[in-house]
């Protein structure tokens, strides 16, 4: 079936055009100034490529990193479309090895069986750990860290049936350069994260091993000093490597810190992510203290999530109700809305840092990341205040 979207604001990589975006068999067939056939009229709305989140552990009613199941991914996929996310990398954490291997197998099962009706597409796996530095754990688990190993990675990727697309590691650890080289030769993105590396150690990883990305810039990494530039100094200094920034709440990093990095990286090398975890889908009986928000999350046996504040007050939320839990974390769309006024090229910047760059790092540029001909029909319809009106995943209407 062939049909077209009509709009005066269709966002392509280099310009915003007025006309018709034609979709056929789940893909974008082309752009035309006129069209005869079935048309959906979004004349005054913004049409842009779906967001791609390459670092997300959970969202809404699903938490892949804490449940590790295909069911968690299914719930995430259905809920993520409400945030403008149409594709993502299922992101693991530093968990017990048996659980991690189970998670990788479950992700592979889901990737190979899900359809556009499921919502946002899982396009691969991002392993955040277990090859990270205990000095910069963040919210990771110290007792689940492992020694860096090519054979260990090969086992993980065999279990994942080749679906690992990205790995966050600490390149200064023993074996870090060798593993980074090995992964990059397979076109797997390697990101420095949870790392105590010096500037010189990151330099070697970039120049000798082709390290090409940084996970949640500023956070969980050696900071900047004028005599030891650290990881933060390296990600700023080297212009040809990508840097991701997570949730633009002003809590994780200050808006000014985003602006400094954006001025250095520009649209070319900046990547938006969320790093969300999906609090509502933690196993029953779990407790989690969020050191930035100063809140304790307790998952109840009755299906409710209890939020305890530092002043002793608390609230309880039904974890099966997406509307009730969607504000527990900042969504991809909300981050876009927060940074949009400060971007250099408006909608073109959004398309680059939220869609095109993430698609490249996930290794899926051939079919996602823009509205060019031949790409999957992953499409957002927004109003001029960037509120989400409609989402299409591979041509299938979602909301």
Protein backbone atom coordinates (compact mmCIF):
# COMPACT_ATOMS: atom_id res chain seq x y z
CA UNK A 1 0.00 0.00 0.00
CA UNK A 2 1.29 3.44 -0.94
CA UNK A 3 0.28 6.71 0.74
CA UNK A 4 1.70 10.14 1.44
CA UNK A 5 2.10 12.70 4.19
CA UNK A 6 1.53 16.31 3.16
CA UNK A 7 3.33 19.04 5.09
CA UNK A 8 4.98 22.43 4.67
CA UNK A 9 7.70 21.42 7.17
CA UNK A 10 9.30 18.07 6.29
CA UNK A 11 12.72 17.89 7.93
CA UNK A 12 15.48 16.40 5.79
CA UNK A 13 19.18 16.32 6.73
CA UNK A 14 20.03 19.56 4.91
CA UNK A 15 16.77 21.49 4.61
CA UNK A 16 13.12 21.72 5.54
CA UNK A 17 10.86 21.16 2.52
CA UNK A 18 7.22 21.60 1.65
CA UNK A 19 5.53 18.79 -0.25
CA UNK A 20 4.64 15.12 0.00
CA UNK A 21 6.52 12.34 1.73
CA UNK A 22 5.48 9.08 0.07
CA UNK A 23 5.49 5.83 2.05
CA UNK A 24 5.29 2.34 0.58
CA UNK A 25 5.73 -1.06 2.25
CA UNK A 26 6.98 0.35 5.58
CA UNK A 27 9.64 2.50 3.88
CA UNK A 28 9.94 6.01 2.54
CA UNK A 29 9.54 5.85 -1.20
CA UNK A 30 10.45 9.47 -1.90
CA UNK A 31 9.62 13.17 -1.68
CA UNK A 32 7.51 14.96 -4.30
CA UNK A 33 6.10 18.43 -4.87
CA UNK A 34 2.75 16.90 -5.91
CA UNK A 35 1.06 13.54 -5.39
CA UNK A 36 -2.09 11.74 -6.52
CA UNK A 37 -3.28 9.06 -4.13
CA UNK A 38 -4.06 8.59 -0.44
CA UNK A 39 -2.88 11.61 1.51
CA UNK A 40 -2.78 12.35 5.22
CA UNK A 41 -2.77 16.12 5.58
CA UNK A 42 -0.43 17.53 8.22
CA UNK A 43 0.04 20.80 6.32
CA UNK A 44 0.91 23.04 9.27
CA UNK A 45 2.74 20.42 11.33
CA UNK A 46 6.39 19.40 11.56
CA UNK A 47 7.37 16.05 10.04
CA UNK A 48 10.69 14.68 11.18
CA UNK A 49 12.53 11.37 11.64
CA UNK A 50 11.83 9.39 14.80
CA UNK A 51 14.24 9.74 17.68
CA UNK A 52 16.79 6.96 18.23
CA UNK A 53 17.93 6.31 21.80
CA UNK A 54 21.23 4.44 21.95
CA UNK A 55 21.45 4.44 25.75
CA UNK A 56 18.27 3.43 27.54
CA UNK A 57 17.86 0.76 30.22
CA UNK A 58 14.14 1.10 30.68
CA UNK A 59 11.14 3.34 30.20
CA UNK A 60 7.57 3.47 31.38
CA UNK A 61 6.35 0.01 32.32
CA UNK A 62 9.51 -1.83 31.25
CA UNK A 63 13.08 -2.10 32.53
CA UNK A 64 15.37 -4.24 30.42
CA UNK A 65 18.43 -3.83 32.64
CA UNK A 66 16.53 -4.88 35.78
CA UNK A 67 14.12 -7.50 34.41
CA UNK A 68 16.21 -8.62 31.44
CA UNK A 69 13.19 -10.08 29.67
CA UNK A 70 11.56 -9.84 26.27
CA UNK A 71 8.40 -8.82 28.14
CA UNK A 72 10.20 -5.78 29.55
CA UNK A 73 11.33 -4.83 26.04
CA UNK A 74 7.78 -5.24 24.75
CA UNK A 75 6.46 -2.84 27.39
CA UNK A 76 9.26 -0.38 26.70
CA UNK A 77 8.61 -0.43 22.96
CA UNK A 78 4.92 0.27 23.40
CA UNK A 79 5.54 3.12 25.84
CA UNK A 80 8.51 4.73 24.09
CA UNK A 81 6.47 5.80 21.09
CA UNK A 82 4.77 8.32 23.38
CA UNK A 83 8.15 10.04 23.76
CA UNK A 84 8.93 10.22 20.04
CA UNK A 85 11.39 7.33 20.22
CA UNK A 86 10.96 4.94 17.31
CA UNK A 87 14.16 2.87 17.67
CA UNK A 88 16.58 2.14 20.48
CA UNK A 89 19.45 0.01 21.75
CA UNK A 90 18.38 -2.19 24.66
CA UNK A 91 20.97 -1.22 27.25
CA UNK A 92 22.26 -3.62 29.88
CA UNK A 93 24.13 -2.79 33.07
CA UNK A 94 26.81 -4.37 35.20
CA UNK A 95 24.70 -7.22 36.55
CA UNK A 96 25.44 -10.75 37.76
CA UNK A 97 26.82 -12.78 34.85
CA UNK A 98 23.98 -15.32 34.72
CA UNK A 99 21.42 -12.52 34.59
CA UNK A 100 23.42 -10.62 31.98
CA UNK A 101 23.64 -13.67 29.71
CA UNK A 102 19.91 -14.32 30.17
CA UNK A 103 19.22 -10.68 29.23
CA UNK A 104 21.29 -10.88 26.06
CA UNK A 105 19.48 -14.02 24.92
CA UNK A 106 16.09 -12.47 25.69
CA UNK A 107 17.00 -9.32 23.74
CA UNK A 108 18.03 -11.39 20.73
CA UNK A 109 14.73 -13.28 20.85
CA UNK A 110 12.77 -10.03 20.95
CA UNK A 111 14.80 -8.32 18.21
CA UNK A 112 14.22 -11.25 15.86
CA UNK A 113 10.48 -11.57 16.52
CA UNK A 114 9.07 -8.06 17.08
CA UNK A 115 7.02 -6.34 14.37
CA UNK A 116 6.15 -2.67 13.71
CA UNK A 117 2.91 -3.22 15.64
CA UNK A 118 5.05 -3.61 18.78
CA UNK A 119 6.07 0.06 18.62
CA UNK A 120 9.63 1.34 18.89
CA UNK A 121 12.11 -1.08 17.33
CA UNK A 122 14.98 -2.61 19.29
CA UNK A 123 17.78 -2.30 16.75
CA UNK A 124 20.50 -3.88 18.86
CA UNK A 125 22.10 -4.04 22.28
CA UNK A 126 24.29 -1.56 24.13
CA UNK A 127 26.39 -3.20 26.85
CA UNK A 128 27.19 -0.63 29.53
CA UNK A 129 29.64 -2.76 31.46
CA UNK A 130 30.74 -5.12 32.86
CA UNK A 131 34.11 -3.76 31.67
CA UNK A 132 34.09 -0.52 33.66
CA UNK A 133 36.19 1.06 36.42
CA UNK A 134 35.11 0.66 40.04
CA UNK A 135 36.33 4.21 40.78
CA UNK A 136 33.49 5.65 38.69
CA UNK A 137 30.62 3.22 39.22
CA UNK A 138 27.77 5.71 39.25
CA UNK A 139 24.68 3.54 39.73
CA UNK A 140 26.35 0.33 38.57
CA UNK A 141 27.06 -2.73 40.72
CA UNK A 142 30.67 -3.21 41.88
CA UNK A 143 30.33 -6.94 42.51
CA UNK A 144 29.31 -7.55 38.90
CA UNK A 145 32.38 -6.06 37.21
CA UNK A 146 34.53 -8.35 35.07
CA UNK A 147 38.05 -8.29 33.67
CA UNK A 148 38.24 -7.09 30.06
CA UNK A 149 38.41 -10.04 27.71
CA UNK A 150 38.03 -10.56 23.98
CA UNK A 151 36.94 -14.14 24.60
CA UNK A 152 34.48 -12.91 27.22
CA UNK A 153 32.98 -10.46 24.74
CA UNK A 154 32.79 -13.14 22.06
CA UNK A 155 30.77 -15.30 24.42
CA UNK A 156 28.41 -12.40 25.17
CA UNK A 157 27.94 -11.64 21.49
CA UNK A 158 27.38 -15.30 20.65
CA UNK A 159 24.59 -15.40 23.24
CA UNK A 160 23.24 -12.14 21.78
CA UNK A 161 23.43 -13.72 18.30
CA UNK A 162 25.52 -10.83 16.97
CA UNK A 163 23.15 -8.07 18.04
CA UNK A 164 25.60 -6.10 20.22
CA UNK A 165 26.02 -2.72 18.52
CA UNK A 166 27.71 -0.65 21.23
CA UNK A 167 29.83 -1.15 24.34
CA UNK A 168 30.71 1.25 27.13
CA UNK A 169 34.03 0.41 28.75
CA UNK A 170 36.95 1.91 30.67
CA UNK A 171 39.81 1.87 28.14
CA UNK A 172 42.51 2.36 30.77
CA UNK A 173 41.86 -1.07 32.29
CA UNK A 174 44.13 -3.98 31.37
CA UNK A 175 43.18 -5.22 27.92
CA UNK A 176 41.19 -2.06 27.15
CA UNK A 177 43.03 -1.05 24.00
CA UNK A 178 43.03 -4.58 22.60
CA UNK A 179 39.30 -5.03 23.18
CA UNK A 180 38.53 -1.59 21.74
CA UNK A 181 40.47 -2.40 18.56
CA UNK A 182 38.71 -5.75 18.29
CA UNK A 183 35.26 -4.22 18.64
CA UNK A 184 35.89 -1.36 16.23
CA UNK A 185 37.09 -3.78 13.53
CA UNK A 186 33.59 -5.26 13.76
CA UNK A 187 32.04 -1.76 13.45
CA UNK A 188 30.79 -1.91 17.03
CA UNK A 189 30.74 1.52 18.67
CA UNK A 190 33.06 1.77 21.67
CA UNK A 191 32.33 4.49 24.19
CA UNK A 192 34.49 5.57 27.10
CA UNK A 193 32.38 5.60 30.23
CA UNK A 194 32.62 4.85 33.94
CA UNK A 195 36.30 5.52 33.45
CA UNK A 196 39.22 6.93 35.47
CA UNK A 197 41.39 7.32 32.37
CA UNK A 198 43.84 10.18 32.04
CA UNK A 199 43.89 12.45 29.01
CA UNK A 200 46.86 10.53 27.61
CA UNK A 201 45.12 7.17 28.07
CA UNK A 202 42.04 8.39 26.21
CA UNK A 203 44.31 9.83 23.52
CA UNK A 204 45.86 6.39 22.97
CA UNK A 205 42.43 4.77 22.84
CA UNK A 206 41.31 7.24 20.16
CA UNK A 207 44.48 7.24 18.07
CA UNK A 208 45.55 3.61 18.44
CA UNK A 209 42.27 1.76 18.90
CA UNK A 210 39.66 4.01 17.20
CA UNK A 211 37.54 4.71 20.28
CA UNK A 212 34.75 6.81 18.79
CA UNK A 213 32.25 7.81 21.48
CA UNK A 214 31.73 8.90 25.10
CA UNK A 215 28.90 7.70 27.34
CA UNK A 216 26.88 10.26 29.38
CA UNK A 217 29.43 13.04 29.02
CA UNK A 218 30.69 14.58 32.27
CA UNK A 219 29.08 11.88 34.41
CA UNK A 220 30.98 8.87 35.82
CA UNK A 221 34.36 9.86 34.36
CA UNK A 222 37.54 11.65 35.38
CA UNK A 223 36.83 15.38 35.27
CA UNK A 224 38.71 18.28 33.78
CA UNK A 225 41.73 19.95 35.38
CA UNK A 226 43.99 22.38 33.59
CA UNK A 227 47.06 20.20 34.27
CA UNK A 228 45.30 16.82 33.85
CA UNK A 229 42.53 17.20 31.33
CA UNK A 230 41.06 13.82 32.14
CA UNK A 231 38.27 12.13 30.20
CA UNK A 232 36.15 15.29 30.06
CA UNK A 233 39.05 17.22 28.59
CA UNK A 234 39.64 14.53 25.99
CA UNK A 235 36.03 14.36 24.85
CA UNK A 236 36.09 18.14 24.44
CA UNK A 237 39.49 18.31 22.75
CA UNK A 238 39.07 15.63 20.10
CA UNK A 239 36.57 16.94 17.56
CA UNK A 240 36.14 13.72 15.58
CA UNK A 241 34.62 11.63 18.37
CA UNK A 242 30.97 11.63 19.39
CA UNK A 243 29.71 12.61 22.83
CA UNK A 244 26.31 11.81 24.28
CA UNK A 245 24.41 13.83 26.83
CA UNK A 246 21.62 12.29 28.88
CA UNK A 247 18.40 13.77 30.31
CA UNK A 248 18.38 17.56 30.04
CA UNK A 249 16.68 18.17 33.38
CA UNK A 250 19.36 20.51 34.68
CA UNK A 251 20.04 17.93 37.42
CA UNK A 252 22.29 15.46 35.61
CA UNK A 253 24.28 18.29 34.02
CA UNK A 254 23.70 22.04 34.10
CA UNK A 255 22.35 23.67 30.92
CA UNK A 256 25.57 25.67 30.64
CA UNK A 257 27.59 22.44 30.64
CA UNK A 258 25.48 21.19 27.74
CA UNK A 259 26.04 24.48 25.92
CA UNK A 260 29.84 24.34 26.32
CA UNK A 261 29.98 20.82 24.92
CA UNK A 262 27.56 21.65 22.11
CA UNK A 263 29.68 24.60 21.00
CA UNK A 264 32.66 22.26 20.70
CA UNK A 265 30.91 19.25 19.20
CA UNK A 266 28.24 21.10 17.16
CA UNK A 267 25.51 19.13 15.42
CA UNK A 268 28.15 16.91 13.83
CA UNK A 269 29.22 15.00 16.95
CA UNK A 270 26.60 15.61 19.62
CA UNK A 271 24.15 12.82 20.54
CA UNK A 272 21.06 13.01 22.73
CA UNK A 273 20.14 10.00 24.88
CA UNK A 274 18.04 9.46 28.00
CA UNK A 275 19.84 6.80 30.10
CA UNK A 276 16.42 6.10 31.64
CA UNK A 277 16.05 2.97 33.79
CA UNK A 278 12.31 2.24 34.10
CA UNK A 279 11.79 2.46 37.87
CA UNK A 280 8.28 1.01 37.62
CA UNK A 281 9.54 -2.37 36.41
CA UNK A 282 12.11 -3.15 39.07
CA UNK A 283 11.62 -6.62 40.65
CA UNK A 284 9.18 -6.69 43.57
CA UNK A 285 10.92 -5.91 46.83
CA UNK A 286 13.65 -3.82 45.17
CA UNK A 287 14.92 -0.64 46.78
CA UNK A 288 16.87 1.99 44.89
CA UNK A 289 18.21 5.30 46.17
CA UNK A 290 18.62 8.02 43.56
CA UNK A 291 21.49 10.11 44.84
CA UNK A 292 20.74 13.05 42.54
CA UNK A 293 17.00 13.24 43.19
CA UNK A 294 17.39 12.35 46.88
CA UNK A 295 14.55 9.84 46.63
CA UNK A 296 14.22 6.18 47.51
CA UNK A 297 12.24 3.95 45.13
CA UNK A 298 10.64 0.82 46.60
CA UNK A 299 8.80 -1.67 44.40
CA UNK A 300 5.88 -3.15 46.33
CA UNK A 301 4.46 -6.67 46.09
CA UNK A 302 1.02 -5.17 45.33
CA UNK A 303 2.22 -3.68 42.01
CA UNK A 304 2.73 -0.17 43.36
CA UNK A 305 5.91 1.89 43.46
CA UNK A 306 6.58 3.78 46.67
CA UNK A 307 8.59 7.02 46.40
CA UNK A 308 10.10 8.18 49.69
CA UNK A 309 11.43 11.74 49.92
CA UNK A 310 14.21 13.02 52.16
CA UNK A 311 11.70 14.90 54.32
CA UNK A 312 9.85 11.67 55.15
CA UNK A 313 6.92 12.22 52.81
CA UNK A 314 6.03 9.57 50.25
CA UNK A 315 3.66 8.67 47.43
CA UNK A 316 2.58 5.40 45.79
CA UNK A 317 2.06 4.88 42.06
CA UNK A 318 0.31 2.10 40.14
CA UNK A 319 3.08 0.63 37.96
CA UNK A 320 0.64 -0.77 35.41
CA UNK A 321 -0.68 2.70 34.55
CA UNK A 322 1.56 4.41 31.99
CA UNK A 323 -0.07 7.80 32.52
CA UNK A 324 0.71 7.54 36.24
CA UNK A 325 4.38 6.63 35.79
CA UNK A 326 5.43 8.52 32.66
CA UNK A 327 6.72 11.48 34.64
CA UNK A 328 9.06 9.43 36.85
CA UNK A 329 11.83 10.15 34.35
CA UNK A 330 12.48 12.77 31.72
CA UNK A 331 11.60 11.58 28.23
CA UNK A 332 13.57 11.97 25.02
CA UNK A 333 11.04 14.49 23.70
CA UNK A 334 11.27 16.58 26.86
CA UNK A 335 15.07 16.74 26.50
CA UNK A 336 14.65 17.88 22.90
CA UNK A 337 12.22 20.57 24.00
CA UNK A 338 14.63 21.71 26.72
CA UNK A 339 17.64 22.20 24.44
CA UNK A 340 15.87 23.28 21.25
CA UNK A 341 16.08 27.07 21.84
CA UNK A 342 19.88 26.80 22.18
CA UNK A 343 20.62 24.73 19.08
CA UNK A 344 22.35 26.29 16.09
CA UNK A 345 20.06 25.12 13.31
CA UNK A 346 16.64 24.53 14.82
CA UNK A 347 14.87 21.47 13.49
CA UNK A 348 17.89 20.47 11.41
CA UNK A 349 19.94 20.29 14.61
CA UNK A 350 17.31 18.14 16.31
CA UNK A 351 17.23 15.72 13.39
CA UNK A 352 21.01 15.44 13.49
CA UNK A 353 21.63 14.94 17.22
CA UNK A 354 18.46 12.94 17.99
CA UNK A 355 18.19 10.77 14.88
CA UNK A 356 21.01 10.83 12.35
CA UNK A 357 24.01 10.67 14.70
CA UNK A 358 22.47 7.96 16.91
CA UNK A 359 21.64 5.92 13.81
CA UNK A 360 25.28 6.09 12.74
CA UNK A 361 26.56 4.94 16.14
CA UNK A 362 24.02 2.12 16.24
CA UNK A 363 25.16 0.96 12.81
CA UNK A 364 21.73 1.40 11.22
CA UNK A 365 22.23 4.47 9.01
CA UNK A 366 21.33 2.45 5.93
CA UNK A 367 17.72 2.23 7.08
CA UNK A 368 17.10 4.79 9.84
CA UNK A 369 18.01 8.27 11.00
CA UNK A 370 16.50 10.45 8.27
CA UNK A 371 13.51 10.81 5.96
CA UNK A 372 15.51 10.07 2.83
CA UNK A 373 14.28 7.60 0.23
CA UNK A 374 14.71 3.95 1.15
CA UNK A 375 14.74 4.53 4.92
CA UNK A 376 12.22 3.00 7.32
CA UNK A 377 9.10 5.14 7.68
CA UNK A 378 9.86 6.08 11.30
CA UNK A 379 8.14 9.44 11.41
CA UNK A 380 7.10 12.00 14.02
CA UNK A 381 4.35 14.58 13.65
CA UNK A 382 4.90 17.60 15.92
CA UNK A 383 3.22 20.94 16.36
CA UNK A 384 5.22 24.15 16.32
CA UNK A 385 5.78 23.94 20.09
CA UNK A 386 7.31 20.48 19.55
CA UNK A 387 4.40 18.67 21.16
CA UNK A 388 3.97 15.15 19.82
CA UNK A 389 0.83 14.61 17.74
CA UNK A 390 1.47 11.29 15.99
CA UNK A 391 4.13 8.61 15.57
CA UNK A 392 4.68 6.10 12.78
CA UNK A 393 7.00 3.12 13.25
CA UNK A 394 7.87 1.61 9.87
CA UNK A 395 4.71 3.18 8.51
CA UNK A 396 2.38 1.90 11.26
CA UNK A 397 0.47 4.55 13.21
CA UNK A 398 1.17 4.21 16.95
CA UNK A 399 -0.83 6.77 18.97
